[in-house]
């Protein structure tokens, strides 16, 4: 581990599981941080408020600032600000995604407002309180010409009660209904989110970057695609038998991160 300057770790399934700490991994990442490694958390979960997540992790003994956290919601907001003319958005998502839209001065429209004034973009992320009507409203906006921005296409996410539907499952309802792909997918495995992480840290040498995650098709694929070393930790979604069947191969597979220290 001494060869790496930047460690990019997932959150869900690595550090917490629906808010419950995964202590072996937390202790390992804290040890790496104490050894002087730069730790950046990159999560596809757009529902997280970076401020609240930072407070939670500090309470657990892991010193992480909001600036050390990159959510797919932040990644989407940065992309839209730099590459589009979007001013107004309709959000299908949770508090963290709404917060990032407002942080970047996008006007967040209500369901009632978008029926009269179509938003420039529909931004969809994980929404555990989503309704049929809300998805239908978003679908109609996209059909009328709104950009379709998705924070990530995760099929599943790990909860303490077992696997649950991910943002990709929600996005797929609109994709299928309109036979239309999103205009942009902000999160992993899109390399955009890791480029944001490296830009924010000023680290340019990929040989000095290690990516840690619990999902082959997002975390590990992203790391492999950019040429970084990857670690699959078996505390979340992907299992050892999944690695055997997949063409996506991590450099290292561990039961928990304490085995790396």
C-alpha atoms as a PDB file:
ATOM      1  CA  UNK A   1       0.000   0.000   0.000  1.00  0.00           C
ATOM      2  CA  UNK A   2       3.025   2.278   0.325  1.00  0.00           C
ATOM      3  CA  UNK A   3       3.137   2.802  -3.464  1.00  0.00           C
ATOM      4  CA  UNK A   4      -0.175   4.698  -3.621  1.00  0.00           C
ATOM      5  CA  UNK A   5      -0.695   8.408  -2.973  1.00  0.00           C
ATOM      6  CA  UNK A   6      -4.450   8.552  -3.653  1.00  0.00           C
ATOM      7  CA  UNK A   7      -6.970   5.978  -2.498  1.00  0.00           C
ATOM      8  CA  UNK A   8     -10.441   6.297  -4.001  1.00  0.00           C
ATOM      9  CA  UNK A   9     -13.005   4.299  -2.048  1.00  0.00           C
ATOM     10  CA  UNK A  10     -16.686   3.603  -2.470  1.00  0.00           C
ATOM     11  CA  UNK A  11     -19.030   4.209   0.494  1.00  0.00           C
ATOM     12  CA  UNK A  12     -22.076   1.902   0.311  1.00  0.00           C
ATOM     13  CA  UNK A  13     -20.915  -1.656   0.858  1.00  0.00           C
ATOM     14  CA  UNK A  14     -17.396  -0.557   1.817  1.00  0.00           C
ATOM     15  CA  UNK A  15     -17.677   1.903   4.697  1.00  0.00           C
ATOM     16  CA  UNK A  16     -21.353   1.675   5.592  1.00  0.00           C
ATOM     17  CA  UNK A  17     -24.288  -0.536   4.747  1.00  0.00           C
ATOM     18  CA  UNK A  18     -27.461   1.604   4.856  1.00  0.00           C
ATOM     19  CA  UNK A  19     -25.938   3.714   7.616  1.00  0.00           C
ATOM     20  CA  UNK A  20     -24.514   0.782   9.589  1.00  0.00           C
ATOM     21  CA  UNK A  21     -20.710   0.960   9.885  1.00  0.00           C
ATOM     22  CA  UNK A  22     -18.497  -1.791   8.442  1.00  0.00           C
ATOM     23  CA  UNK A  23     -15.878  -1.527  11.151  1.00  0.00           C
ATOM     24  CA  UNK A  24     -13.047  -3.631   9.673  1.00  0.00           C
ATOM     25  CA  UNK A  25     -13.011  -1.428   6.589  1.00  0.00           C
ATOM     26  CA  UNK A  26     -13.313   1.809   8.566  1.00  0.00           C
ATOM     27  CA  UNK A  27     -10.334   0.885  10.740  1.00  0.00           C
ATOM     28  CA  UNK A  28      -8.280  -0.012   7.650  1.00  0.00           C
ATOM     29  CA  UNK A  29      -9.036   3.256   5.835  1.00  0.00           C
ATOM     30  CA  UNK A  30      -8.313   5.220   9.015  1.00  0.00           C
ATOM     31  CA  UNK A  31      -4.928   3.466   9.229  1.00  0.00           C
ATOM     32  CA  UNK A  32      -4.135   4.347   5.604  1.00  0.00           C
ATOM     33  CA  UNK A  33      -5.068   7.968   6.282  1.00  0.00           C
ATOM     34  CA  UNK A  34      -2.785   8.003   9.325  1.00  0.00           C
ATOM     35  CA  UNK A  35       0.044   6.771   7.059  1.00  0.00           C
ATOM     36  CA  UNK A  36      -0.380   9.902   4.951  1.00  0.00           C
ATOM     37  CA  UNK A  37      -2.504   8.569   2.111  1.00  0.00           C
ATOM     38  CA  UNK A  38      -4.998  10.952   0.498  1.00  0.00           C
ATOM     39  CA  UNK A  39      -8.461   9.419   0.842  1.00  0.00           C
ATOM     40  CA  UNK A  40     -11.301  10.443  -1.476  1.00  0.00           C
ATOM     41  CA  UNK A  41     -14.710   8.825  -1.182  1.00  0.00           C
ATOM     42  CA  UNK A  42     -16.485   8.455  -4.518  1.00  0.00           C
ATOM     43  CA  UNK A  43     -20.045   7.214  -4.265  1.00  0.00           C
ATOM     44  CA  UNK A  44     -22.814   6.615  -6.770  1.00  0.00           C
ATOM     45  CA  UNK A  45     -25.328   7.286  -3.996  1.00  0.00           C
ATOM     46  CA  UNK A  46     -26.584  10.766  -4.849  1.00  0.00           C
ATOM     47  CA  UNK A  47     -28.884  10.758  -1.828  1.00  0.00           C
ATOM     48  CA  UNK A  48     -26.018  11.503   0.541  1.00  0.00           C
ATOM     49  CA  UNK A  49     -25.536  15.064   1.718  1.00  0.00           C
ATOM     50  CA  UNK A  50     -21.756  15.451   1.718  1.00  0.00           C
ATOM     51  CA  UNK A  51     -21.940  17.579   4.857  1.00  0.00           C
ATOM     52  CA  UNK A  52     -24.066  15.070   6.757  1.00  0.00           C
ATOM     53  CA  UNK A  53     -22.023  12.104   5.533  1.00  0.00           C
ATOM     54  CA  UNK A  54     -18.837  13.835   6.647  1.00  0.00           C
ATOM     55  CA  UNK A  55     -20.311  14.371  10.114  1.00  0.00           C
ATOM     56  CA  UNK A  56     -21.391  10.735  10.310  1.00  0.00           C
ATOM     57  CA  UNK A  57     -17.958   9.450   9.308  1.00  0.00           C
ATOM     58  CA  UNK A  58     -16.168  11.743  11.739  1.00  0.00           C
ATOM     59  CA  UNK A  59     -18.459  10.425  14.478  1.00  0.00           C
ATOM     60  CA  UNK A  60     -17.284   6.932  13.484  1.00  0.00           C
ATOM     61  CA  UNK A  61     -13.659   8.038  13.830  1.00  0.00           C
ATOM     62  CA  UNK A  62     -12.884   8.589  10.157  1.00  0.00           C
ATOM     63  CA  UNK A  63     -11.736  12.172   9.545  1.00  0.00           C
ATOM     64  CA  UNK A  64     -13.313  13.048   6.215  1.00  0.00           C
ATOM     65  CA  UNK A  65     -14.338  16.551   5.140  1.00  0.00           C
ATOM     66  CA  UNK A  66     -17.174  17.304   2.684  1.00  0.00           C
ATOM     67  CA  UNK A  67     -14.475  18.198   0.129  1.00  0.00           C
ATOM     68  CA  UNK A  68     -13.130  14.633   0.417  1.00  0.00           C
ATOM     69  CA  UNK A  69     -16.464  13.235  -0.803  1.00  0.00           C
ATOM     70  CA  UNK A  70     -17.621  13.094  -4.415  1.00  0.00           C
ATOM     71  CA  UNK A  71     -21.165  11.878  -4.978  1.00  0.00           C
ATOM     72  CA  UNK A  72     -22.712  11.150  -8.338  1.00  0.00           C
ATOM     73  CA  UNK A  73     -24.979  14.134  -7.623  1.00  0.00           C
ATOM     74  CA  UNK A  74     -21.949  16.444  -7.351  1.00  0.00           C
ATOM     75  CA  UNK A  75     -20.486  14.862 -10.477  1.00  0.00           C
ATOM     76  CA  UNK A  76     -23.745  15.514 -12.367  1.00  0.00           C
ATOM     77  CA  UNK A  77     -23.898  19.127 -11.176  1.00  0.00           C
ATOM     78  CA  UNK A  78     -20.292  19.836 -12.218  1.00  0.00           C
ATOM     79  CA  UNK A  79     -20.909  18.276 -15.626  1.00  0.00           C
ATOM     80  CA  UNK A  80     -24.078  20.289 -16.267  1.00  0.00           C
ATOM     81  CA  UNK A  81     -22.447  23.531 -15.131  1.00  0.00           C
ATOM     82  CA  UNK A  82     -19.441  23.053 -17.395  1.00  0.00           C
ATOM     83  CA  UNK A  83     -20.991  21.429 -20.444  1.00  0.00           C
ATOM     84  CA  UNK A  84     -24.649  22.467 -20.767  1.00  0.00           C
ATOM     85  CA  UNK A  85     -26.885  25.511 -20.682  1.00  0.00           C
ATOM     86  CA  UNK A  86     -29.225  23.954 -18.101  1.00  0.00           C
ATOM     87  CA  UNK A  87     -30.759  26.458 -15.683  1.00  0.00           C
ATOM     88  CA  UNK A  88     -33.818  24.627 -14.326  1.00  0.00           C
ATOM     89  CA  UNK A  89     -34.169  20.987 -13.257  1.00  0.00           C
ATOM     90  CA  UNK A  90     -36.778  18.504 -12.146  1.00  0.00           C
ATOM     91  CA  UNK A  91     -35.194  16.178  -9.582  1.00  0.00           C
ATOM     92  CA  UNK A  92     -36.181  12.579  -9.009  1.00  0.00           C
ATOM     93  CA  UNK A  93     -33.942  11.895  -6.049  1.00  0.00           C
ATOM     94  CA  UNK A  94     -33.245  12.486  -2.390  1.00  0.00           C
ATOM     95  CA  UNK A  95     -32.017  15.367  -0.255  1.00  0.00           C
ATOM     96  CA  UNK A  96     -28.362  15.120  -1.268  1.00  0.00           C
ATOM     97  CA  UNK A  97     -29.141  15.441  -4.966  1.00  0.00           C
ATOM     98  CA  UNK A  98     -31.469  18.401  -4.444  1.00  0.00           C
ATOM     99  CA  UNK A  99     -28.780  20.030  -2.274  1.00  0.00           C
ATOM    100  CA  UNK A 100     -26.109  19.712  -4.991  1.00  0.00           C
ATOM    101  CA  UNK A 101     -28.447  21.172  -7.620  1.00  0.00           C
ATOM    102  CA  UNK A 102     -29.051  24.184  -5.395  1.00  0.00           C
ATOM    103  CA  UNK A 103     -25.335  24.475  -4.546  1.00  0.00           C
ATOM    104  CA  UNK A 104     -24.650  25.003  -8.248  1.00  0.00           C
ATOM    105  CA  UNK A 105     -27.524  27.483  -8.603  1.00  0.00           C
ATOM    106  CA  UNK A 106     -29.823  25.285 -10.663  1.00  0.00           C
ATOM    107  CA  UNK A 107     -33.478  26.164 -10.138  1.00  0.00           C
ATOM    108  CA  UNK A 108     -35.263  23.092  -8.765  1.00  0.00           C
ATOM    109  CA  UNK A 109     -38.847  22.974 -10.032  1.00  0.00           C
ATOM    110  CA  UNK A 110     -41.768  21.283  -8.323  1.00  0.00           C
ATOM    111  CA  UNK A 111     -44.082  18.746  -9.946  1.00  0.00           C
ATOM    112  CA  UNK A 112     -46.716  21.444 -10.370  1.00  0.00           C
ATOM    113  CA  UNK A 113     -44.250  23.895 -11.952  1.00  0.00           C
ATOM    114  CA  UNK A 114     -42.952  21.491 -14.589  1.00  0.00           C
ATOM    115  CA  UNK A 115     -46.434  20.831 -15.928  1.00  0.00           C
ATOM    116  CA  UNK A 116     -46.546  24.493 -17.029  1.00  0.00           C
ATOM    117  CA  UNK A 117     -42.844  25.198 -17.624  1.00  0.00           C
ATOM    118  CA  UNK A 118     -40.804  22.281 -18.886  1.00  0.00           C
ATOM    119  CA  UNK A 119     -37.421  22.086 -17.097  1.00  0.00           C
ATOM    120  CA  UNK A 120     -34.160  22.200 -18.982  1.00  0.00           C
ATOM    121  CA  UNK A 121     -33.250  18.820 -17.503  1.00  0.00           C
ATOM    122  CA  UNK A 122     -34.628  15.917 -15.523  1.00  0.00           C
ATOM    123  CA  UNK A 123     -31.982  14.740 -13.037  1.00  0.00           C
ATOM    124  CA  UNK A 124     -32.616  11.255 -11.689  1.00  0.00           C
ATOM    125  CA  UNK A 125     -30.857   9.487  -8.829  1.00  0.00           C
ATOM    126  CA  UNK A 126     -31.657   6.970  -6.126  1.00  0.00           C
ATOM    127  CA  UNK A 127     -35.032   7.882  -4.610  1.00  0.00           C
ATOM    128  CA  UNK A 128     -36.361   5.554  -1.936  1.00  0.00           C
ATOM    129  CA  UNK A 129     -39.600   7.538  -1.718  1.00  0.00           C
ATOM    130  CA  UNK A 130     -40.222   7.713  -5.462  1.00  0.00           C
ATOM    131  CA  UNK A 131     -43.785   7.298  -6.728  1.00  0.00           C
ATOM    132  CA  UNK A 132     -45.307   6.169  -9.982  1.00  0.00           C
ATOM    133  CA  UNK A 133     -46.599   9.703 -10.544  1.00  0.00           C
ATOM    134  CA  UNK A 134     -43.162  11.255 -10.005  1.00  0.00           C
ATOM    135  CA  UNK A 135     -41.507   8.920 -12.504  1.00  0.00           C
ATOM    136  CA  UNK A 136     -44.334   9.582 -14.958  1.00  0.00           C
ATOM    137  CA  UNK A 137     -43.844  13.344 -14.566  1.00  0.00           C
ATOM    138  CA  UNK A 138     -40.136  12.989 -15.268  1.00  0.00           C
ATOM    139  CA  UNK A 139     -40.881  10.828 -18.288  1.00  0.00           C
ATOM    140  CA  UNK A 140     -43.268  13.452 -19.703  1.00  0.00           C
ATOM    141  CA  UNK A 141     -40.656  16.191 -19.221  1.00  0.00           C
ATOM    142  CA  UNK A 142     -38.048  14.186 -21.133  1.00  0.00           C
ATOM    143  CA  UNK A 143     -40.606  13.413 -23.852  1.00  0.00           C
ATOM    144  CA  UNK A 144     -41.243  17.163 -24.192  1.00  0.00           C
ATOM    145  CA  UNK A 145     -37.555  17.920 -24.671  1.00  0.00           C
ATOM    146  CA  UNK A 146     -35.815  18.069 -21.278  1.00  0.00           C
ATOM    147  CA  UNK A 147     -32.288  16.680 -21.094  1.00  0.00           C
ATOM    148  CA  UNK A 148     -32.186  13.346 -19.273  1.00  0.00           C
ATOM    149  CA  UNK A 149     -29.342  13.264 -16.736  1.00  0.00           C
ATOM    150  CA  UNK A 150     -28.897  10.146 -14.586  1.00  0.00           C
ATOM    151  CA  UNK A 151     -26.575  10.089 -11.593  1.00  0.00           C
ATOM    152  CA  UNK A 152     -25.758   6.413 -12.073  1.00  0.00           C
ATOM    153  CA  UNK A 153     -27.086   3.194 -13.551  1.00  0.00           C
ATOM    154  CA  UNK A 154     -26.548   0.944 -10.521  1.00  0.00           C
ATOM    155  CA  UNK A 155     -28.994  -1.950 -10.734  1.00  0.00           C
ATOM    156  CA  UNK A 156     -28.765  -2.670  -7.006  1.00  0.00           C
ATOM    157  CA  UNK A 157     -27.522  -1.199  -3.758  1.00  0.00           C
ATOM    158  CA  UNK A 158     -26.664  -3.027  -0.506  1.00  0.00           C
ATOM    159  CA  UNK A 159     -28.873  -2.399   2.541  1.00  0.00           C
ATOM    160  CA  UNK A 160     -28.738  -3.974   5.981  1.00  0.00           C
ATOM    161  CA  UNK A 161     -31.875  -5.903   4.990  1.00  0.00           C
ATOM    162  CA  UNK A 162     -30.428  -7.170   1.706  1.00  0.00           C
ATOM    163  CA  UNK A 163     -30.189  -5.874  -1.847  1.00  0.00           C
ATOM    164  CA  UNK A 164     -32.568  -3.140  -3.006  1.00  0.00           C
ATOM    165  CA  UNK A 165     -33.284  -1.441  -6.336  1.00  0.00           C
ATOM    166  CA  UNK A 166     -30.664   1.081  -7.448  1.00  0.00           C
ATOM    167  CA  UNK A 167     -30.999   4.323  -9.377  1.00  0.00           C
ATOM    168  CA  UNK A 168     -30.456   2.464 -12.635  1.00  0.00           C
ATOM    169  CA  UNK A 169     -33.571   0.414 -12.024  1.00  0.00           C
ATOM    170  CA  UNK A 170     -35.598   3.627 -11.679  1.00  0.00           C
ATOM    171  CA  UNK A 171     -33.969   5.234 -14.725  1.00  0.00           C
ATOM    172  CA  UNK A 172     -34.717   2.115 -16.751  1.00  0.00           C
ATOM    173  CA  UNK A 173     -38.439   2.754 -16.462  1.00  0.00           C
ATOM    174  CA  UNK A 174     -38.052   6.027 -18.402  1.00  0.00           C
ATOM    175  CA  UNK A 175     -35.467   4.539 -20.771  1.00  0.00           C
ATOM    176  CA  UNK A 176     -37.827   1.689 -21.622  1.00  0.00           C
ATOM    177  CA  UNK A 177     -40.942   3.858 -21.836  1.00  0.00           C
ATOM    178  CA  UNK A 178     -39.391   6.357 -24.264  1.00  0.00           C
ATOM    179  CA  UNK A 179     -36.907   4.016 -25.977  1.00  0.00           C
ATOM    180  CA  UNK A 180     -34.342   6.708 -25.182  1.00  0.00           C
ATOM    181  CA  UNK A 181     -30.978   6.544 -23.441  1.00  0.00           C
ATOM    182  CA  UNK A 182     -29.894   9.228 -20.919  1.00  0.00           C
ATOM    183  CA  UNK A 183     -27.981  12.219 -22.264  1.00  0.00           C
ATOM    184  CA  UNK A 184     -25.379  11.754 -19.542  1.00  0.00           C
ATOM    185  CA  UNK A 185     -24.644   9.273 -16.746  1.00  0.00           C
ATOM    186  CA  UNK A 186     -22.527  11.020 -14.120  1.00  0.00           C
ATOM    187  CA  UNK A 187     -21.428   8.224 -11.810  1.00  0.00           C
ATOM    188  CA  UNK A 188     -19.341   5.077 -11.926  1.00  0.00           C
ATOM    189  CA  UNK A 189     -18.270   3.402 -14.150  1.00  0.00           C
ATOM    190  CA  UNK A 190     -18.143   6.653 -16.140  1.00  0.00           C
ATOM    191  CA  UNK A 191     -14.549   7.903 -15.933  1.00  0.00           C
ATOM    192  CA  UNK A 192     -15.854  11.451 -15.495  1.00  0.00           C
ATOM    193  CA  UNK A 193     -16.385  11.019 -11.745  1.00  0.00           C
ATOM    194  CA  UNK A 194     -12.832   9.779 -11.151  1.00  0.00           C
ATOM    195  CA  UNK A 195     -11.439  12.567 -13.329  1.00  0.00           C
ATOM    196  CA  UNK A 196     -13.219  15.000 -11.001  1.00  0.00           C
ATOM    197  CA  UNK A 197     -11.598  13.267  -8.016  1.00  0.00           C
ATOM    198  CA  UNK A 198      -8.102  13.491  -9.489  1.00  0.00           C
ATOM    199  CA  UNK A 199      -8.634  17.093 -10.526  1.00  0.00           C
ATOM    200  CA  UNK A 200      -9.703  18.058  -7.000  1.00  0.00           C
ATOM    201  CA  UNK A 201      -6.660  16.346  -5.442  1.00  0.00           C
ATOM    202  CA  UNK A 202      -4.125  17.465  -8.056  1.00  0.00           C
ATOM    203  CA  UNK A 203      -2.844  13.890  -8.505  1.00  0.00           C
ATOM    204  CA  UNK A 204      -2.162  13.027 -12.162  1.00  0.00           C
ATOM    205  CA  UNK A 205      -0.115   9.808 -12.005  1.00  0.00           C
ATOM    206  CA  UNK A 206      -2.534   6.861 -12.273  1.00  0.00           C
ATOM    207  CA  UNK A 207       0.125   4.452 -11.028  1.00  0.00           C
ATOM    208  CA  UNK A 208      -0.263   6.201  -7.677  1.00  0.00           C
ATOM    209  CA  UNK A 209      -4.047   5.685  -7.560  1.00  0.00           C
ATOM    210  CA  UNK A 210      -5.853   2.729  -5.939  1.00  0.00           C
ATOM    211  CA  UNK A 211      -9.604   2.215  -6.372  1.00  0.00           C
ATOM    212  CA  UNK A 212     -11.522   0.256  -3.718  1.00  0.00           C
ATOM    213  CA  UNK A 213     -15.093  -0.905  -4.193  1.00  0.00           C
ATOM    214  CA  UNK A 214     -17.663  -3.635  -3.666  1.00  0.00           C
ATOM    215  CA  UNK A 215     -19.110  -3.830  -7.199  1.00  0.00           C
ATOM    216  CA  UNK A 216     -17.372  -5.283 -10.225  1.00  0.00           C
ATOM    217  CA  UNK A 217     -19.469  -3.511 -12.856  1.00  0.00           C
ATOM    218  CA  UNK A 218     -19.083  -0.036 -11.352  1.00  0.00           C
ATOM    219  CA  UNK A 219     -16.110   0.456  -9.005  1.00  0.00           C
ATOM    220  CA  UNK A 220     -13.761  -2.113 -10.485  1.00  0.00           C
ATOM    221  CA  UNK A 221     -14.687  -1.445 -14.121  1.00  0.00           C
ATOM    222  CA  UNK A 222     -14.116   2.284 -13.603  1.00  0.00           C
ATOM    223  CA  UNK A 223     -10.712   1.748 -12.017  1.00  0.00           C
ATOM    224  CA  UNK A 224      -9.656  -0.743 -14.667  1.00  0.00           C
ATOM    225  CA  UNK A 225     -10.847   1.530 -17.487  1.00  0.00           C
ATOM    226  CA  UNK A 226      -8.656   4.419 -16.382  1.00  0.00           C
ATOM    227  CA  UNK A 227      -5.649   2.181 -15.703  1.00  0.00           C
ATOM    228  CA  UNK A 228      -5.595   2.331 -11.883  1.00  0.00           C
ATOM    229  CA  UNK A 229      -5.077  -0.653  -9.597  1.00  0.00           C
ATOM    230  CA  UNK A 230      -8.293  -2.019  -8.080  1.00  0.00           C
ATOM    231  CA  UNK A 231      -9.388  -3.838  -4.928  1.00  0.00           C
ATOM    232  CA  UNK A 232     -12.709  -5.667  -4.649  1.00  0.00           C
ATOM    233  CA  UNK A 233     -13.857  -5.974  -1.036  1.00  0.00           C
ATOM    234  CA  UNK A 234     -16.493  -8.636  -0.366  1.00  0.00           C
ATOM    235  CA  UNK A 235     -18.550  -6.640   2.158  1.00  0.00           C
ATOM    236  CA  UNK A 236     -21.125  -5.374  -0.336  1.00  0.00           C
ATOM    237  CA  UNK A 237     -22.670  -6.629  -3.562  1.00  0.00           C
ATOM    238  CA  UNK A 238     -20.136  -8.644  -5.596  1.00  0.00           C
ATOM    239  CA  UNK A 239     -19.082 -12.091  -4.402  1.00  0.00           C
ATOM    240  CA  UNK A 240     -15.999 -14.230  -5.105  1.00  0.00           C
ATOM    241  CA  UNK A 241     -17.999 -16.404  -7.518  1.00  0.00           C
ATOM    242  CA  UNK A 242     -18.964 -13.254  -9.443  1.00  0.00           C
ATOM    243  CA  UNK A 243     -15.283 -12.555 -10.072  1.00  0.00           C
ATOM    244  CA  UNK A 244     -14.793 -16.071 -11.424  1.00  0.00           C
ATOM    245  CA  UNK A 245     -17.647 -15.567 -13.921  1.00  0.00           C
ATOM    246  CA  UNK A 246     -16.865 -11.975 -14.933  1.00  0.00           C
ATOM    247  CA  UNK A 247     -14.524 -10.533 -17.530  1.00  0.00           C
ATOM    248  CA  UNK A 248     -13.935  -7.618 -15.104  1.00  0.00           C
ATOM    249  CA  UNK A 249     -11.007  -8.619 -12.889  1.00  0.00           C
ATOM    250  CA  UNK A 250      -9.756  -6.640  -9.866  1.00  0.00           C
ATOM    251  CA  UNK A 251      -6.080  -6.711  -9.002  1.00  0.00           C
ATOM    252  CA  UNK A 252      -6.880  -7.870  -5.451  1.00  0.00           C
ATOM    253  CA  UNK A 253      -9.948  -9.513  -3.829  1.00  0.00           C
ATOM    254  CA  UNK A 254     -10.269  -9.373  -0.020  1.00  0.00           C
ATOM    255  CA  UNK A 255     -12.961 -10.345   2.485  1.00  0.00           C
ATOM    256  CA  UNK A 256     -12.426  -6.990   4.235  1.00  0.00           C
ATOM    257  CA  UNK A 257      -9.901  -4.176   4.031  1.00  0.00           C
ATOM    258  CA  UNK A 258      -8.076  -5.122   7.233  1.00  0.00           C
ATOM    259  CA  UNK A 259      -6.345  -7.790   5.127  1.00  0.00           C
ATOM    260  CA  UNK A 260      -4.601  -5.017   3.165  1.00  0.00           C
ATOM    261  CA  UNK A 261      -2.911  -3.482   6.203  1.00  0.00           C
END
